[in-house]
N, C-alpha and C. Protein backbone atom coordinates (compact mmCIF):
# COMPACT_ATOMS: atom_id res chain seq x y z
N MET A 1 9.35 -30.01 88.56
CA MET A 1 8.63 -30.85 87.61
C MET A 1 9.29 -32.23 87.60
N PRO A 2 8.50 -33.29 87.69
CA PRO A 2 9.06 -34.65 87.69
C PRO A 2 9.71 -35.00 86.34
N ASP A 3 10.70 -35.88 86.41
CA ASP A 3 11.42 -36.29 85.20
C ASP A 3 10.51 -36.95 84.18
N SER A 4 9.54 -37.73 84.61
CA SER A 4 8.66 -38.41 83.67
C SER A 4 7.81 -37.39 82.88
N LEU A 5 7.40 -36.31 83.55
CA LEU A 5 6.64 -35.27 82.87
C LEU A 5 7.52 -34.52 81.87
N LYS A 6 8.77 -34.26 82.26
CA LYS A 6 9.72 -33.59 81.36
C LYS A 6 9.95 -34.43 80.11
N ARG A 7 10.12 -35.76 80.31
CA ARG A 7 10.33 -36.66 79.17
C ARG A 7 9.11 -36.69 78.26
N ALA A 8 7.93 -36.71 78.85
CA ALA A 8 6.70 -36.75 78.05
C ALA A 8 6.55 -35.46 77.23
N ILE A 9 6.84 -34.33 77.83
CA ILE A 9 6.76 -33.05 77.11
C ILE A 9 7.80 -33.01 75.99
N PHE A 10 9.00 -33.50 76.27
CA PHE A 10 10.06 -33.54 75.27
C PHE A 10 9.65 -34.42 74.09
N LEU A 11 9.12 -35.62 74.36
CA LEU A 11 8.70 -36.52 73.29
C LEU A 11 7.55 -35.94 72.48
N LEU A 12 6.62 -35.32 73.16
CA LEU A 12 5.50 -34.68 72.46
C LEU A 12 5.99 -33.56 71.55
N THR A 13 6.95 -32.78 72.02
CA THR A 13 7.51 -31.70 71.22
C THR A 13 8.21 -32.26 69.99
N ILE A 14 8.98 -33.31 70.16
CA ILE A 14 9.68 -33.95 69.04
C ILE A 14 8.66 -34.45 68.00
N LEU A 15 7.61 -35.10 68.46
CA LEU A 15 6.60 -35.62 67.54
C LEU A 15 5.90 -34.50 66.77
N LEU A 16 5.61 -33.41 67.44
CA LEU A 16 4.96 -32.29 66.78
C LEU A 16 5.87 -31.65 65.74
N VAL A 17 7.13 -31.49 66.08
CA VAL A 17 8.08 -30.89 65.13
C VAL A 17 8.32 -31.80 63.95
N GLU A 18 8.53 -33.07 64.20
CA GLU A 18 8.78 -34.03 63.12
C GLU A 18 7.55 -34.17 62.22
N GLY A 19 6.38 -34.26 62.80
CA GLY A 19 5.15 -34.40 62.02
C GLY A 19 4.83 -33.15 61.24
N GLY A 20 5.12 -31.99 61.79
CA GLY A 20 4.84 -30.73 61.13
C GLY A 20 5.77 -30.44 59.98
N ALA A 21 6.92 -31.10 59.93
CA ALA A 21 7.88 -30.85 58.86
C ALA A 21 7.37 -31.36 57.52
N ASN A 22 6.45 -32.31 57.54
CA ASN A 22 5.95 -32.89 56.29
C ASN A 22 4.70 -32.19 55.77
N ILE A 23 4.14 -31.27 56.52
CA ILE A 23 2.93 -30.58 56.10
C ILE A 23 3.30 -29.49 55.10
N ALA A 24 2.68 -29.52 53.94
CA ALA A 24 2.94 -28.51 52.91
C ALA A 24 2.07 -27.29 53.18
N ALA A 25 2.68 -26.14 53.24
CA ALA A 25 1.95 -24.91 53.47
C ALA A 25 1.69 -24.21 52.14
N ALA A 26 0.52 -23.62 52.03
CA ALA A 26 0.17 -22.89 50.82
C ALA A 26 0.96 -21.60 50.74
N THR A 27 1.39 -21.25 49.55
CA THR A 27 2.04 -19.97 49.33
C THR A 27 0.99 -18.88 49.43
N PRO A 28 1.27 -17.80 50.13
CA PRO A 28 0.27 -16.74 50.24
C PRO A 28 -0.15 -16.23 48.86
N LEU A 29 -1.43 -16.09 48.67
CA LEU A 29 -1.97 -15.63 47.40
C LEU A 29 -1.98 -14.11 47.37
N THR A 30 -1.37 -13.55 46.33
CA THR A 30 -1.31 -12.10 46.17
C THR A 30 -2.04 -11.71 44.89
N PRO A 31 -3.26 -11.22 45.01
CA PRO A 31 -4.00 -10.80 43.81
C PRO A 31 -3.60 -9.40 43.36
N PHE A 32 -3.67 -9.17 42.05
CA PHE A 32 -3.30 -7.88 41.47
C PHE A 32 -4.40 -7.37 40.56
N ARG A 33 -4.52 -6.06 40.49
CA ARG A 33 -5.52 -5.44 39.62
C ARG A 33 -5.07 -5.46 38.16
N TYR A 34 -3.77 -5.33 37.95
CA TYR A 34 -3.24 -5.26 36.58
C TYR A 34 -2.30 -6.42 36.31
N GLU A 35 -2.31 -6.87 35.07
CA GLU A 35 -1.48 -8.00 34.65
C GLU A 35 0.01 -7.70 34.84
N ALA A 36 0.43 -6.48 34.52
CA ALA A 36 1.84 -6.11 34.65
C ALA A 36 2.32 -6.19 36.09
N GLN A 37 1.46 -5.85 37.04
CA GLN A 37 1.82 -5.95 38.46
C GLN A 37 2.09 -7.40 38.84
N ALA A 38 1.22 -8.28 38.38
CA ALA A 38 1.39 -9.71 38.69
C ALA A 38 2.67 -10.25 38.05
N GLN A 39 2.96 -9.83 36.83
CA GLN A 39 4.17 -10.30 36.14
C GLN A 39 5.43 -9.83 36.85
N ARG A 40 5.41 -8.62 37.39
CA ARG A 40 6.56 -8.13 38.16
C ARG A 40 6.73 -8.91 39.47
N HIS A 41 5.61 -9.33 40.05
CA HIS A 41 5.65 -10.08 41.31
C HIS A 41 6.23 -11.48 41.11
N CYS A 42 5.93 -12.08 39.98
CA CYS A 42 6.41 -13.44 39.70
C CYS A 42 6.96 -13.51 38.28
N PRO A 43 8.15 -12.97 38.04
CA PRO A 43 8.69 -12.89 36.68
C PRO A 43 8.91 -14.25 36.01
N GLY A 44 9.17 -15.29 36.78
CA GLY A 44 9.42 -16.59 36.18
C GLY A 44 8.19 -17.47 36.11
N ASP A 45 7.04 -16.94 36.46
CA ASP A 45 5.81 -17.73 36.52
C ASP A 45 4.80 -17.19 35.51
N THR A 46 3.75 -17.95 35.27
CA THR A 46 2.68 -17.56 34.37
C THR A 46 1.62 -16.77 35.13
N VAL A 47 1.13 -15.71 34.55
CA VAL A 47 0.05 -14.92 35.15
C VAL A 47 -1.27 -15.48 34.68
N VAL A 48 -2.21 -15.67 35.60
CA VAL A 48 -3.53 -16.18 35.28
C VAL A 48 -4.60 -15.23 35.82
N TRP A 49 -5.82 -15.40 35.32
CA TRP A 49 -6.97 -14.61 35.78
C TRP A 49 -7.74 -15.48 36.74
N LEU A 50 -7.83 -15.04 37.99
CA LEU A 50 -8.43 -15.84 39.06
C LEU A 50 -9.84 -15.36 39.35
N ASP A 51 -10.80 -16.28 39.27
CA ASP A 51 -12.19 -15.99 39.60
C ASP A 51 -12.43 -16.51 41.01
N PHE A 52 -12.52 -15.60 41.97
CA PHE A 52 -12.67 -15.98 43.37
C PHE A 52 -14.00 -16.67 43.64
N ARG A 53 -15.06 -16.20 43.02
CA ARG A 53 -16.40 -16.73 43.28
C ARG A 53 -16.52 -18.19 42.84
N LYS A 54 -15.96 -18.51 41.67
CA LYS A 54 -16.05 -19.87 41.13
C LYS A 54 -14.92 -20.76 41.60
N GLY A 55 -13.84 -20.17 42.10
CA GLY A 55 -12.70 -20.97 42.55
C GLY A 55 -11.88 -21.56 41.43
N ILE A 56 -11.86 -20.87 40.28
CA ILE A 56 -11.11 -21.36 39.12
C ILE A 56 -10.24 -20.24 38.56
N TYR A 57 -9.30 -20.63 37.70
CA TYR A 57 -8.47 -19.63 37.02
C TYR A 57 -8.45 -19.90 35.53
N TYR A 58 -8.18 -18.82 34.78
CA TYR A 58 -8.14 -18.88 33.33
C TYR A 58 -6.74 -18.52 32.84
N ALA A 59 -6.28 -19.23 31.82
CA ALA A 59 -5.01 -18.91 31.18
C ALA A 59 -5.24 -17.79 30.16
N LYS A 60 -4.17 -17.18 29.71
CA LYS A 60 -4.26 -16.03 28.81
C LYS A 60 -5.00 -16.35 27.52
N ARG A 61 -4.90 -17.55 27.03
CA ARG A 61 -5.53 -17.90 25.75
C ARG A 61 -7.02 -18.25 25.89
N GLN A 62 -7.55 -18.24 27.10
CA GLN A 62 -8.95 -18.59 27.31
C GLN A 62 -9.87 -17.38 27.16
N LYS A 63 -11.10 -17.66 26.80
CA LYS A 63 -12.09 -16.63 26.48
C LYS A 63 -12.36 -15.67 27.64
N PHE A 64 -12.42 -16.17 28.86
CA PHE A 64 -12.81 -15.34 30.00
C PHE A 64 -11.62 -14.71 30.74
N TYR A 65 -10.43 -14.81 30.17
CA TYR A 65 -9.24 -14.20 30.78
C TYR A 65 -9.42 -12.69 30.82
N GLY A 66 -9.27 -12.11 31.99
CA GLY A 66 -9.38 -10.67 32.16
C GLY A 66 -10.81 -10.16 32.27
N ARG A 67 -11.77 -11.05 32.42
CA ARG A 67 -13.18 -10.64 32.52
C ARG A 67 -13.75 -11.04 33.87
N GLY A 68 -14.62 -10.21 34.39
CA GLY A 68 -15.30 -10.52 35.64
C GLY A 68 -14.99 -9.50 36.71
N SER A 69 -15.98 -9.20 37.54
CA SER A 69 -15.78 -8.18 38.57
C SER A 69 -15.22 -8.74 39.86
N ASN A 70 -15.43 -10.01 40.12
CA ASN A 70 -14.93 -10.63 41.35
C ASN A 70 -13.69 -11.47 41.04
N SER A 71 -12.76 -10.88 40.31
CA SER A 71 -11.58 -11.59 39.84
C SER A 71 -10.36 -10.68 39.88
N SER A 72 -9.19 -11.28 39.71
CA SER A 72 -7.96 -10.49 39.61
C SER A 72 -6.85 -11.35 39.01
N PHE A 73 -5.75 -10.70 38.69
CA PHE A 73 -4.58 -11.40 38.16
C PHE A 73 -3.78 -11.97 39.33
N ALA A 74 -3.15 -13.13 39.10
CA ALA A 74 -2.33 -13.76 40.14
C ALA A 74 -1.32 -14.68 39.46
N CYS A 75 -0.37 -15.14 40.24
CA CYS A 75 0.67 -16.04 39.75
C CYS A 75 0.18 -17.49 39.82
N LEU A 76 0.46 -18.25 38.80
CA LEU A 76 -0.04 -19.61 38.68
C LEU A 76 0.36 -20.49 39.87
N GLU A 77 1.60 -20.46 40.28
CA GLU A 77 2.05 -21.30 41.39
C GLU A 77 1.31 -20.97 42.68
N GLU A 78 1.09 -19.69 42.95
CA GLU A 78 0.35 -19.29 44.15
C GLU A 78 -1.09 -19.76 44.07
N VAL A 79 -1.69 -19.63 42.90
CA VAL A 79 -3.08 -20.04 42.71
C VAL A 79 -3.23 -21.54 42.93
N ARG A 80 -2.34 -22.32 42.33
CA ARG A 80 -2.41 -23.78 42.47
C ARG A 80 -2.17 -24.22 43.91
N SER A 81 -1.22 -23.61 44.59
CA SER A 81 -0.93 -24.02 45.97
C SER A 81 -2.05 -23.65 46.93
N ASN A 82 -2.94 -22.76 46.51
CA ASN A 82 -4.07 -22.38 47.35
C ASN A 82 -5.35 -23.14 46.98
N GLY A 83 -5.23 -24.14 46.13
CA GLY A 83 -6.34 -25.04 45.85
C GLY A 83 -7.28 -24.63 44.73
N TYR A 84 -6.96 -23.60 43.98
CA TYR A 84 -7.81 -23.22 42.85
C TYR A 84 -7.54 -24.18 41.69
N ARG A 85 -8.55 -24.43 40.89
CA ARG A 85 -8.39 -25.34 39.76
C ARG A 85 -8.54 -24.59 38.44
N ARG A 86 -8.00 -25.15 37.38
CA ARG A 86 -8.06 -24.46 36.09
C ARG A 86 -9.42 -24.67 35.44
N SER A 87 -9.82 -23.70 34.67
CA SER A 87 -11.07 -23.79 33.93
C SER A 87 -10.83 -24.49 32.61
N LEU A 88 -11.74 -25.33 32.24
CA LEU A 88 -11.64 -26.01 30.95
C LEU A 88 -12.48 -25.33 29.89
N LEU A 89 -13.23 -24.32 30.29
CA LEU A 89 -14.08 -23.59 29.35
C LEU A 89 -13.29 -22.54 28.60
N GLY A 90 -13.64 -22.33 27.37
CA GLY A 90 -13.04 -21.26 26.60
C GLY A 90 -11.67 -21.53 26.06
N LEU A 91 -11.24 -22.78 26.07
CA LEU A 91 -9.93 -23.11 25.50
C LEU A 91 -9.97 -22.97 23.99
N ARG A 92 -8.96 -22.35 23.45
CA ARG A 92 -8.88 -22.17 21.99
C ARG A 92 -7.79 -23.03 21.43
């Protein structure tokens, strides 16, 4: 392999590694059927009710927390890092 090709591959590798270091990766989302399971998974975090269909989550004090068939409990940090947004409905 010619030296110029080796240098080009080396520079391309450096650019890919350096550029990839700044990309934020989402934390894997782990949904749970029960609130206690989610709390054990993330003891220092808040447990929320995630509605997959609507792409939103509810806090414990909200009206729709724990309701819905296409939903589950999850950790707030995981939910936020995966792009879900909080619901403004049902705040007390």
